[in-house]
Amino acid sequence: MTRDPIVEEVRSARQKIFEACNENLDALLDRFQEQEALDRNWLVSDISAPPQQDAKRLNRVRP
């Protein structure tokens, strides 16, 4: 299996966060929900219109 440094970095970060929560899944979920509340404007929760490129693709007529 090929070693992927990005995957390793993500897994390491995940483990550090889990350890900071004393390896408690409820505490981990609470932490994620608190962070989510702080970062509301970074989340995509409603898409009112598809991106222009997708709109063109969706409007294309197929034979």
C-alpha atoms as a PDB file:
ATOM      1  CA  MET A   1       0.000   0.000   0.000  1.00  0.00           C
ATOM      2  CA  THR A   2       1.261   3.453  -0.890  1.00  0.00           C
ATOM      3  CA  ARG A   3       2.087   5.837   1.946  1.00  0.00           C
ATOM      4  CA  ASP A   4       0.098   9.069   1.691  1.00  0.00           C
ATOM      5  CA  PRO A   5       1.483  11.906   3.845  1.00  0.00           C
ATOM      6  CA  ILE A   6      -1.772  13.874   3.689  1.00  0.00           C
ATOM      7  CA  VAL A   7      -3.795  10.921   4.981  1.00  0.00           C
ATOM      8  CA  GLU A   8      -1.234  10.409   7.747  1.00  0.00           C
ATOM      9  CA  GLU A   9      -1.453  14.081   8.724  1.00  0.00           C
ATOM     10  CA  VAL A  10      -5.259  13.955   8.896  1.00  0.00           C
ATOM     11  CA  ARG A  11      -5.194  10.783  10.977  1.00  0.00           C
ATOM     12  CA  SER A  12      -2.599  12.269  13.325  1.00  0.00           C
ATOM     13  CA  ALA A  13      -4.662  15.438  13.796  1.00  0.00           C
ATOM     14  CA  ARG A  14      -7.778  13.369  14.413  1.00  0.00           C
ATOM     15  CA  GLN A  15      -5.984  11.304  17.044  1.00  0.00           C
ATOM     16  CA  LYS A  16      -4.664  14.414  18.824  1.00  0.00           C
ATOM     17  CA  ILE A  17      -8.168  15.909  18.982  1.00  0.00           C
ATOM     18  CA  PHE A  18      -9.568  12.614  20.268  1.00  0.00           C
ATOM     19  CA  GLU A  19      -6.859  12.426  22.948  1.00  0.00           C
ATOM     20  CA  ALA A  20      -7.600  16.039  23.963  1.00  0.00           C
ATOM     21  CA  CYS A  21     -11.178  14.866  24.608  1.00  0.00           C
ATOM     22  CA  ASN A  22      -9.858  12.077  26.881  1.00  0.00           C
ATOM     23  CA  GLU A  23     -10.832   9.564  24.176  1.00  0.00           C
ATOM     24  CA  ASN A  24     -14.487  10.207  25.005  1.00  0.00           C
ATOM     25  CA  LEU A  25     -16.761  10.169  21.946  1.00  0.00           C
ATOM     26  CA  ASP A  26     -19.426  12.310  23.630  1.00  0.00           C
ATOM     27  CA  ALA A  27     -16.822  14.958  24.445  1.00  0.00           C
ATOM     28  CA  LEU A  28     -15.506  14.752  20.885  1.00  0.00           C
ATOM     29  CA  LEU A  29     -18.986  15.278  19.447  1.00  0.00           C
ATOM     30  CA  ASP A  30     -19.564  18.226  21.802  1.00  0.00           C
ATOM     31  CA  ARG A  31     -16.276  19.754  20.668  1.00  0.00           C
ATOM     32  CA  PHE A  32     -17.191  19.366  17.002  1.00  0.00           C
ATOM     33  CA  GLN A  33     -20.632  20.893  17.576  1.00  0.00           C
ATOM     34  CA  GLU A  34     -19.136  23.848  19.456  1.00  0.00           C
ATOM     35  CA  GLN A  35     -16.639  24.434  16.663  1.00  0.00           C
ATOM     36  CA  GLU A  36     -19.384  24.116  14.069  1.00  0.00           C
ATOM     37  CA  ALA A  37     -21.412  26.809  15.872  1.00  0.00           C
ATOM     38  CA  LEU A  38     -18.395  29.134  15.814  1.00  0.00           C
ATOM     39  CA  ASP A  39     -17.748  28.522  12.122  1.00  0.00           C
ATOM     40  CA  ARG A  40     -21.329  28.851  10.810  1.00  0.00           C
ATOM     41  CA  ASN A  41     -20.346  31.198   7.985  1.00  0.00           C
ATOM     42  CA  TRP A  42     -17.846  28.611   6.682  1.00  0.00           C
ATOM     43  CA  LEU A  43     -20.474  25.891   6.317  1.00  0.00           C
ATOM     44  CA  VAL A  44     -22.576  25.369   3.238  1.00  0.00           C
ATOM     45  CA  SER A  45     -26.095  24.780   4.459  1.00  0.00           C
ATOM     46  CA  ASP A  46     -28.260  26.083   1.640  1.00  0.00           C
ATOM     47  CA  ILE A  47     -27.589  26.197  -2.062  1.00  0.00           C
ATOM     48  CA  SER A  48     -30.145  28.418  -3.731  1.00  0.00           C
ATOM     49  CA  ALA A  49     -28.798  27.967  -7.256  1.00  0.00           C
ATOM     50  CA  PRO A  50     -26.362  25.522  -8.813  1.00  0.00           C
ATOM     51  CA  PRO A  51     -23.020  26.918  -9.973  1.00  0.00           C
ATOM     52  CA  GLN A  52     -23.139  28.328 -13.485  1.00  0.00           C
ATOM     53  CA  GLN A  53     -21.218  25.429 -15.001  1.00  0.00           C
ATOM     54  CA  ASP A  54     -23.578  22.891 -13.413  1.00  0.00           C
ATOM     55  CA  ALA A  55     -26.585  24.921 -14.552  1.00  0.00           C
ATOM     56  CA  LYS A  56     -25.368  24.680 -18.138  1.00  0.00           C
ATOM     57  CA  ARG A  57     -24.885  20.939 -17.786  1.00  0.00           C
ATOM     58  CA  LEU A  58     -28.331  20.480 -16.226  1.00  0.00           C
ATOM     59  CA  ASN A  59     -30.047  22.444 -18.997  1.00  0.00           C
ATOM     60  CA  ARG A  60     -28.374  20.451 -21.772  1.00  0.00           C
ATOM     61  CA  VAL A  61     -30.804  18.435 -23.869  1.00  0.00           C
ATOM     62  CA  ARG A  62     -29.854  14.836 -24.464  1.00  0.00           C
ATOM     63  CA  PRO A  63     -30.841  13.025 -27.653  1.00  0.00           C
END
